[in-house]
Amino acid sequence: MPQIQLGLFENKRQFTLLVIINAFVGGMVGMERSIIPQFAESQFGIDSKTALLSFIIAFGITKALTNYVTGRLANRMGRKKLLVYGWVLALPIPFLLIYAETWNWVLLANILLGMSQGLTWSSTVVMKIDLVGEKNRGLAMGLNEFAGYFAVGLIAFLTGTIAQKYGVTPYPFYVGVFISVVGLLLSWIWVKDTRAFAHHEDQTDQTPTLQNVFWETTLRHKTLSSITQAGLINNLNDGMIWGLLPLVLIGWHYDASGIGIITAIYPTVWGIGQLFTGKMSDHYSKKKLLFWGMSMQGFAIILIPFSENFWYLSLLSALLGLGTALVYPTFLSGIAQVCSPKQRAESIGVFRLWRDLGYAIGALLSGITADLFGIEVAIICIGVLTLISAGIIRFRMPKGI
């Protein structure tokens, strides 16, 4: 058996393959990103904001629960098996959307999407952390999240363009057929499991173990719980942007192409920015990066209802993406820093449980608020919650992290 060496360069082939696979993982979400609200209204006549956002609620809950299960099973079953199972679940999703007869078909597709994303994205995160060791965790997470979210933006733009030219169904969903098949083949044939790397690191690691991983990550540990609440709020506002921003743009008479551009700028900047912010989290205060990132998000969101102009909206979308880029790799590298290798996968699973429940909570909260008080009020409320989260990071998270 070859000697195990931790490091990004030492494991560059496997690491690069996992980066490519995570781009395909992100592409599955991007397939829906800019067109599902139009799909709901044109195909099923759904105009209630709460009912429309039910697809994000279904996605968020199932992804969150699957994240937790993946974290618990990663050491027992192996990372590769979970990754392959996630791609198998992805295969029927585009066909359910293409042949959807009722809105329940769309909900089923998003339940499967949530399960698939929980298995695939969580697995690639843990595998990259396993491979690189302590020195370049932030860079590794930056590259991972860059690949995923750049693909979200790219595919969102692509499907929006296809929808503008050929209609919202079926052609945009053919992209998902290609992505799911190629992602499965790459994972099944070429990926190698990385459990042995975590076991190797654990032999020399001196990080204290947590008494109860779930409750320490959720509430008790000041660093872990601060990161967890910020992750929840981050995805809460992302769920709102996913569901309500296209509706705002429709109300301002933007066409499918314009909606695709504005909605794609945010995840694209988010993705590209992580090429730099991931490495920054290896060298600069994680607390400061999280505080400023959440603050940027909050101010950008609050200004959206007052910015009907295309260029203003594009700038705010970019600012929102930059703020998210500052926090996303920092969340994961921060957890990896304070957890022992034997508990890392489970703690990341707990964090991702709460973080992705933010999708469901954000969609439900913003949908109800939008139906009762209007979309603009809903957006401002989510922005205020994001600023409060930044305050929690500022006053609860210890210095020196």
Protein backbone atom coordinates (compact mmCIF):
# COMPACT_ATOMS: atom_id res chain seq x y z
CA MET A 1 0.00 0.00 0.00
CA PRO A 2 1.53 3.40 -0.95
CA GLN A 3 2.49 5.75 1.88
CA ILE A 4 -0.15 8.36 2.70
CA GLN A 5 0.97 11.96 2.27
CA LEU A 6 -1.25 14.88 3.20
CA GLY A 7 -1.14 17.97 1.02
CA LEU A 8 -2.79 19.60 -1.95
CA PHE A 9 0.17 19.14 -4.28
CA GLU A 10 0.83 15.59 -3.11
CA ASN A 11 -2.76 14.62 -3.98
CA LYS A 12 -3.29 16.97 -6.92
CA ARG A 13 -4.86 14.43 -9.30
CA GLN A 14 -7.51 13.20 -6.91
CA PHE A 15 -8.10 16.73 -5.61
CA THR A 16 -8.56 18.12 -9.14
CA LEU A 17 -11.00 15.33 -9.98
CA LEU A 18 -13.06 16.17 -6.89
CA VAL A 19 -13.08 19.87 -7.87
CA ILE A 20 -14.44 18.95 -11.31
CA ILE A 21 -17.07 16.66 -9.80
CA ASN A 22 -18.22 19.40 -7.44
CA ALA A 23 -18.70 21.68 -10.45
CA PHE A 24 -21.16 19.09 -11.76
CA VAL A 25 -22.81 18.98 -8.33
CA GLY A 26 -23.34 22.76 -8.43
CA GLY A 27 -24.59 22.56 -12.00
CA MET A 28 -27.57 20.46 -10.88
CA VAL A 29 -28.74 23.35 -8.68
CA GLY A 30 -27.95 25.92 -11.38
CA MET A 31 -30.29 24.07 -13.75
CA GLU A 32 -33.24 25.32 -11.67
CA ARG A 33 -31.84 28.58 -10.36
CA SER A 34 -33.23 31.12 -12.82
CA ILE A 35 -36.23 29.33 -14.37
CA ILE A 36 -38.29 27.46 -11.76
CA PRO A 37 -40.35 30.52 -10.67
CA GLN A 38 -41.27 31.13 -14.34
CA PHE A 39 -41.84 27.39 -14.78
CA ALA A 40 -44.25 27.39 -11.82
CA GLU A 41 -46.31 30.30 -13.10
CA SER A 42 -46.38 29.36 -16.79
CA GLN A 43 -46.93 25.60 -16.41
CA PHE A 44 -49.01 25.34 -13.23
CA GLY A 45 -50.44 28.84 -12.67
CA ILE A 46 -48.93 29.16 -9.19
CA ASP A 47 -48.89 32.76 -7.98
CA SER A 48 -48.82 32.37 -4.17
CA LYS A 49 -45.31 33.17 -3.01
CA THR A 50 -45.50 30.62 -0.18
CA ALA A 51 -46.69 27.84 -2.52
CA LEU A 52 -44.11 28.77 -5.12
CA LEU A 53 -41.30 28.67 -2.60
CA SER A 54 -42.42 25.20 -1.44
CA PHE A 55 -39.90 23.72 -3.87
CA ILE A 56 -37.07 25.41 -1.99
CA ILE A 57 -38.53 24.23 1.33
CA ALA A 58 -38.60 20.65 0.04
CA PHE A 59 -35.03 20.99 -1.23
CA GLY A 60 -33.69 22.62 1.93
CA ILE A 61 -35.17 20.17 4.44
CA THR A 62 -34.08 17.06 2.57
CA LYS A 63 -30.60 18.43 1.87
CA ALA A 64 -30.16 19.44 5.50
CA LEU A 65 -31.16 16.04 6.86
CA THR A 66 -29.04 14.24 4.27
CA ASN A 67 -26.04 16.40 5.20
CA TYR A 68 -26.35 15.20 8.79
CA VAL A 69 -26.70 11.56 7.78
CA THR A 70 -23.71 11.89 5.44
CA GLY A 71 -21.57 13.29 8.26
CA ARG A 72 -22.56 10.43 10.54
CA LEU A 73 -21.97 7.74 7.91
CA ALA A 74 -18.81 9.14 6.28
CA ASN A 75 -16.43 7.22 8.56
CA ARG A 76 -18.55 4.06 8.65
CA MET A 77 -19.42 3.61 4.97
CA GLY A 78 -16.71 5.64 3.26
CA ARG A 79 -16.91 8.90 1.36
CA LYS A 80 -16.91 7.43 -2.16
CA LYS A 81 -19.99 5.22 -1.64
CA LEU A 82 -22.00 8.21 -0.41
CA LEU A 83 -20.82 10.29 -3.37
CA VAL A 84 -21.92 7.63 -5.88
CA TYR A 85 -25.29 7.13 -4.14
CA GLY A 86 -25.86 10.88 -4.42
CA TRP A 87 -25.37 10.82 -8.19
CA VAL A 88 -27.71 7.84 -8.58
CA LEU A 89 -30.42 9.92 -6.88
CA ALA A 90 -29.73 12.77 -9.32
CA LEU A 91 -30.47 10.77 -12.46
CA PRO A 92 -34.32 11.00 -12.41
CA ILE A 93 -34.48 14.71 -11.48
CA PRO A 94 -34.43 16.31 -14.97
CA PHE A 95 -36.92 13.75 -16.28
CA LEU A 96 -39.36 14.50 -13.45
CA LEU A 97 -39.18 18.20 -14.39
CA ILE A 98 -39.52 17.54 -18.13
CA TYR A 99 -42.59 15.33 -17.73
CA ALA A 100 -44.12 17.05 -14.68
CA GLU A 101 -47.93 16.83 -14.76
CA THR A 102 -48.53 18.56 -11.43
CA TRP A 103 -46.56 20.72 -9.02
CA ASN A 104 -46.06 17.64 -6.81
CA TRP A 105 -43.72 16.26 -9.48
CA VAL A 106 -41.57 19.37 -9.05
CA LEU A 107 -41.58 18.92 -5.27
CA LEU A 108 -40.50 15.29 -5.67
CA ALA A 109 -37.69 16.35 -8.01
CA ASN A 110 -36.48 18.84 -5.41
CA ILE A 111 -36.66 16.29 -2.61
CA LEU A 112 -34.37 14.07 -4.69
CA LEU A 113 -32.19 17.10 -5.50
CA GLY A 114 -31.81 17.88 -1.80
CA MET A 115 -30.85 14.29 -0.98
CA SER A 116 -28.43 14.17 -3.92
CA GLN A 117 -26.79 17.47 -2.99
CA GLY A 118 -26.45 16.44 0.65
CA LEU A 119 -24.63 13.26 -0.31
CA THR A 120 -22.47 14.60 -3.13
CA TRP A 121 -21.48 18.05 -1.85
CA SER A 122 -20.84 16.89 1.72
CA SER A 123 -18.71 14.00 0.47
CA THR A 124 -16.53 16.20 -1.75
CA VAL A 125 -16.04 18.70 1.09
CA VAL A 126 -14.90 16.05 3.56
CA MET A 127 -12.70 14.28 0.98
CA LYS A 128 -10.82 17.46 0.10
CA ILE A 129 -10.22 18.29 3.76
CA ASP A 130 -8.96 14.72 4.25
CA LEU A 131 -6.48 15.06 1.39
CA VAL A 132 -4.90 18.45 2.05
CA GLY A 133 -4.20 18.35 5.78
CA GLU A 134 -4.00 21.43 8.01
CA LYS A 135 -1.92 23.83 5.90
CA ASN A 136 -4.26 24.56 2.97
CA ARG A 137 -7.75 23.82 4.28
CA GLY A 138 -9.05 27.27 3.42
CA LEU A 139 -7.62 27.11 -0.07
CA ALA A 140 -9.09 23.63 -0.53
CA MET A 141 -12.53 24.83 0.54
CA GLY A 142 -12.21 27.90 -1.66
CA LEU A 143 -11.47 25.76 -4.69
CA ASN A 144 -14.29 23.36 -3.80
CA GLU A 145 -16.89 26.07 -3.32
CA PHE A 146 -15.60 28.03 -6.32
CA ALA A 147 -16.19 25.04 -8.57
CA GLY A 148 -19.65 24.39 -7.16
CA TYR A 149 -20.99 27.93 -7.16
CA PHE A 150 -19.33 29.10 -10.32
CA ALA A 151 -21.13 26.18 -11.96
CA VAL A 152 -24.39 27.27 -10.30
CA GLY A 153 -24.03 30.70 -11.90
CA LEU A 154 -22.85 29.40 -15.26
CA ILE A 155 -25.64 26.85 -15.60
CA ALA A 156 -28.23 29.35 -14.30
CA PHE A 157 -27.18 31.73 -17.09
CA LEU A 158 -27.17 28.90 -19.63
CA THR A 159 -30.63 27.61 -18.74
CA GLY A 160 -32.00 31.16 -18.60
CA THR A 161 -30.67 31.77 -22.10
CA ILE A 162 -32.11 28.47 -23.36
CA ALA A 163 -35.46 29.29 -21.74
CA GLN A 164 -35.51 32.70 -23.44
CA LYS A 165 -34.97 31.11 -26.85
CA TYR A 166 -36.83 27.80 -26.60
CA GLY A 167 -39.14 28.11 -23.56
CA VAL A 168 -38.81 27.04 -19.92
CA THR A 169 -39.40 23.36 -20.73
CA PRO A 170 -38.09 20.86 -21.79
CA TYR A 171 -34.78 22.07 -23.27
CA PRO A 172 -33.21 23.69 -20.17
CA PHE A 173 -33.59 20.41 -18.27
CA TYR A 174 -31.62 18.44 -20.85
CA VAL A 175 -28.57 20.11 -19.31
CA GLY A 176 -29.36 18.23 -16.10
CA VAL A 177 -29.42 14.89 -17.93
CA PHE A 178 -25.86 15.44 -19.16
CA ILE A 179 -24.60 16.67 -15.78
CA SER A 180 -26.03 13.76 -13.76
CA VAL A 181 -24.73 11.05 -16.11
CA VAL A 182 -21.19 12.48 -16.34
CA GLY A 183 -21.04 13.18 -12.59
CA LEU A 184 -21.99 9.58 -11.81
CA LEU A 185 -19.43 8.11 -14.20
CA LEU A 186 -16.57 10.28 -12.91
CA SER A 187 -17.38 9.43 -9.28
CA TRP A 188 -17.91 5.72 -9.83
CA ILE A 189 -14.88 5.02 -12.02
CA TRP A 190 -12.09 7.36 -10.86
CA VAL A 191 -12.69 8.65 -7.33
CA LYS A 192 -10.83 6.91 -4.49
CA ASP A 193 -12.02 6.89 -0.89
CA THR A 194 -10.12 9.13 1.56
CA ARG A 195 -10.93 7.68 5.00
CA ALA A 196 -7.35 6.48 5.37
CA PHE A 197 -6.09 10.07 5.09
CA ALA A 198 -8.26 11.15 8.05
CA HIS A 199 -7.04 8.19 10.10
CA HIS A 200 -3.43 9.08 9.25
CA GLU A 201 -3.88 12.71 10.37
CA ASP A 202 -5.61 11.63 13.57
CA GLN A 203 -2.48 9.78 14.74
CA THR A 204 -0.59 13.05 15.28
CA ASP A 205 -3.45 15.52 15.88
CA GLN A 206 -3.72 17.04 19.39
CA THR A 207 -7.11 18.78 19.05
CA PRO A 208 -9.39 18.00 22.03
CA THR A 209 -12.42 15.89 21.19
CA LEU A 210 -15.96 17.20 21.71
CA GLN A 211 -18.20 15.57 24.31
CA ASN A 212 -21.31 15.79 22.14
CA VAL A 213 -20.67 16.77 18.52
CA PHE A 214 -24.28 17.72 17.75
CA TRP A 215 -24.87 20.04 20.69
CA GLU A 216 -21.36 21.51 20.72
CA THR A 217 -21.65 22.41 17.03
CA THR A 218 -25.20 23.69 17.46
CA LEU A 219 -25.12 25.69 20.71
CA ARG A 220 -22.38 25.13 23.27
CA HIS A 221 -19.03 25.67 21.55
CA LYS A 222 -18.63 29.41 20.99
CA THR A 223 -16.74 29.10 17.71
CA LEU A 224 -18.71 26.20 16.23
CA SER A 225 -22.13 27.57 17.22
CA SER A 226 -21.27 31.06 15.94
CA ILE A 227 -20.29 29.57 12.59
CA THR A 228 -23.41 27.39 12.55
CA GLN A 229 -25.88 30.25 13.12
CA ALA A 230 -24.17 32.32 10.42
CA GLY A 231 -24.36 29.38 8.02
CA LEU A 232 -28.09 29.06 8.69
CA ILE A 233 -28.69 32.78 8.08
CA ASN A 234 -26.49 32.74 4.97
CA ASN A 235 -28.60 30.04 3.35
CA LEU A 236 -31.78 31.63 4.70
CA ASN A 237 -31.02 34.74 2.65
CA ASP A 238 -29.86 32.60 -0.29
CA GLY A 239 -33.21 30.77 -0.26
CA MET A 240 -34.99 34.13 -0.35
CA ILE A 241 -32.83 35.37 -3.24
CA TRP A 242 -33.40 32.11 -5.13
CA GLY A 243 -37.17 32.35 -4.83
CA LEU A 244 -38.04 36.06 -4.65
CA LEU A 245 -35.42 37.88 -6.73
CA PRO A 246 -36.73 36.43 -10.04
CA LEU A 247 -40.25 37.47 -9.00
CA VAL A 248 -39.07 41.02 -8.25
CA LEU A 249 -37.44 41.17 -11.67
CA ILE A 250 -40.56 39.81 -13.37
CA GLY A 251 -42.55 42.55 -11.62
CA TRP A 252 -40.12 45.09 -13.03
CA HIS A 253 -40.68 43.63 -16.54
CA TYR A 254 -37.29 41.96 -16.99
CA ASP A 255 -37.25 39.20 -19.61
CA ALA A 256 -35.78 35.70 -19.06
CA SER A 257 -32.37 36.77 -20.36
CA GLY A 258 -32.14 39.76 -17.99
CA ILE A 259 -33.29 37.64 -15.05
CA GLY A 260 -30.70 35.03 -15.96
CA ILE A 261 -27.88 37.61 -16.00
CA ILE A 262 -28.75 39.27 -12.68
CA THR A 263 -29.42 36.00 -10.85
CA ALA A 264 -26.21 34.50 -12.27
CA ILE A 265 -23.92 37.37 -11.18
CA TYR A 266 -24.41 36.57 -7.49
CA PRO A 267 -23.35 32.88 -7.54
CA THR A 268 -20.68 33.59 -10.16
CA VAL A 269 -18.95 36.26 -8.03
CA TRP A 270 -19.52 34.01 -5.03
CA GLY A 271 -17.80 31.17 -6.86
CA ILE A 272 -14.86 33.09 -8.36
CA GLY A 273 -14.31 35.07 -5.17
CA GLN A 274 -13.66 31.90 -3.22
CA LEU A 275 -10.50 31.30 -5.23
CA PHE A 276 -9.09 34.18 -3.17
CA THR A 277 -11.13 34.18 0.05
CA GLY A 278 -10.43 30.51 0.70
CA LYS A 279 -6.69 31.17 0.83
CA MET A 280 -7.34 34.32 2.87
CA SER A 281 -8.98 32.19 5.57
CA ASP A 282 -5.68 30.29 5.95
CA HIS A 283 -3.84 33.54 6.82
CA TYR A 284 -6.32 36.09 8.23
CA SER A 285 -8.77 36.18 11.11
CA LYS A 286 -11.73 33.92 10.35
CA LYS A 287 -13.86 35.96 12.75
CA LYS A 288 -13.25 39.18 10.79
CA LEU A 289 -13.88 37.51 7.44
CA LEU A 290 -17.19 36.12 8.71
CA PHE A 291 -18.28 39.44 10.24
CA TRP A 292 -17.56 41.52 7.14
CA GLY A 293 -18.97 38.90 4.80
CA MET A 294 -22.31 38.69 6.63
CA SER A 295 -22.44 42.50 6.91
CA MET A 296 -21.95 42.91 3.13
CA GLN A 297 -24.73 40.44 2.47
CA GLY A 298 -27.12 42.21 4.82
CA PHE A 299 -26.61 45.69 3.35
CA ALA A 300 -26.82 44.41 -0.25
CA ILE A 301 -30.11 42.61 0.43
CA ILE A 302 -31.72 45.61 2.14
CA LEU A 303 -30.92 47.82 -0.88
CA ILE A 304 -32.45 45.47 -3.50
CA PRO A 305 -36.05 46.80 -3.30
CA PHE A 306 -34.76 50.34 -3.94
CA SER A 307 -32.65 49.44 -7.01
CA GLU A 308 -34.80 48.76 -10.07
CA ASN A 309 -32.04 49.85 -12.48
CA PHE A 310 -30.21 46.92 -14.17
CA TRP A 311 -26.73 48.18 -13.31
CA TYR A 312 -27.59 48.87 -9.66
CA LEU A 313 -29.07 45.40 -9.34
CA SER A 314 -26.01 43.90 -10.98
CA LEU A 315 -23.76 45.75 -8.52
CA LEU A 316 -25.80 44.57 -5.53
CA SER A 317 -25.80 41.03 -6.86
CA ALA A 318 -22.00 41.21 -7.12
CA LEU A 319 -21.70 42.65 -3.58
CA LEU A 320 -23.93 39.88 -2.26
CA GLY A 321 -21.73 37.34 -4.03
CA LEU A 322 -18.55 38.87 -2.58
CA GLY A 323 -19.97 38.80 0.95
CA THR A 324 -20.95 35.16 0.55
CA ALA A 325 -17.51 34.35 -0.90
CA LEU A 326 -15.90 35.72 2.27
CA VAL A 327 -17.89 33.45 4.56
CA TYR A 328 -18.44 30.19 2.70
CA PRO A 329 -14.95 28.62 2.69
CA THR A 330 -14.28 30.24 6.08
CA PHE A 331 -17.21 28.35 7.62
CA LEU A 332 -15.70 24.99 6.69
CA SER A 333 -12.04 25.79 7.36
CA GLY A 334 -13.04 27.22 10.76
CA ILE A 335 -14.83 24.01 11.73
CA ALA A 336 -11.90 21.91 10.50
CA GLN A 337 -9.52 24.01 12.62
CA VAL A 338 -11.26 23.38 15.94
CA CYS A 339 -12.39 19.75 15.41
CA SER A 340 -10.30 16.61 15.65
CA PRO A 341 -10.06 14.57 12.42
CA LYS A 342 -12.16 11.75 13.90
CA GLN A 343 -15.07 14.16 14.61
CA ARG A 344 -14.61 16.53 11.67
CA ALA A 345 -16.98 14.84 9.24
CA GLU A 346 -19.76 14.63 11.84
CA SER A 347 -19.34 18.26 12.93
CA ILE A 348 -19.40 19.41 9.30
CA GLY A 349 -22.55 17.31 8.87
CA VAL A 350 -24.23 19.05 11.83
CA PHE A 351 -23.18 22.47 10.52
CA ARG A 352 -24.53 21.64 7.07
CA LEU A 353 -27.75 20.33 8.64
CA TRP A 354 -28.48 23.73 10.18
CA ARG A 355 -27.00 25.69 7.29
CA ASP A 356 -29.22 24.06 4.70
CA LEU A 357 -32.30 24.17 6.91
CA GLY A 358 -31.78 27.88 6.29
CA TYR A 359 -33.05 27.29 2.74
CA ALA A 360 -36.35 25.97 4.05
CA ILE A 361 -36.66 28.55 6.83
CA GLY A 362 -35.77 31.39 4.47
CA ALA A 363 -38.19 30.26 1.79
CA LEU A 364 -41.03 29.79 4.29
CA LEU A 365 -40.37 33.04 6.16
CA SER A 366 -39.90 35.16 3.05
CA GLY A 367 -42.86 33.51 1.29
CA ILE A 368 -45.28 34.15 4.16
CA THR A 369 -43.98 37.69 4.66
CA ALA A 370 -44.23 38.40 0.92
CA ASP A 371 -47.83 37.14 0.78
CA LEU A 372 -48.83 39.21 3.81
CA PHE A 373 -46.83 42.42 3.38
CA GLY A 374 -45.26 42.33 -0.09
CA ILE A 375 -41.99 41.14 -1.57
CA GLU A 376 -40.10 44.33 -0.68
CA VAL A 377 -40.84 43.96 3.05
CA ALA A 378 -39.82 40.30 2.93
CA ILE A 379 -36.47 41.16 1.36
CA ILE A 380 -35.73 43.91 3.90
CA CYS A 381 -36.59 41.58 6.82
CA ILE A 382 -34.14 38.97 5.57
CA GLY A 383 -31.46 41.64 5.20
CA VAL A 384 -31.96 42.76 8.82
CA LEU A 385 -31.66 39.14 10.04
CA THR A 386 -28.38 38.86 8.16
CA LEU A 387 -26.99 41.95 9.91
CA ILE A 388 -28.04 40.49 13.28
CA SER A 389 -26.10 37.34 12.42
CA ALA A 390 -23.03 39.48 11.73
CA GLY A 391 -23.46 40.97 15.21
CA ILE A 392 -23.51 37.50 16.79
CA ILE A 393 -20.21 36.70 15.07
CA ARG A 394 -18.79 39.99 16.35
CA PHE A 395 -19.73 39.51 20.01
CA ARG A 396 -19.86 35.72 20.57
CA MET A 397 -17.06 34.21 18.49
CA PRO A 398 -13.73 34.25 20.40
CA LYS A 399 -10.76 36.30 19.22
CA GLY A 400 -7.82 34.49 17.71
CA ILE A 401 -9.88 32.30 15.39
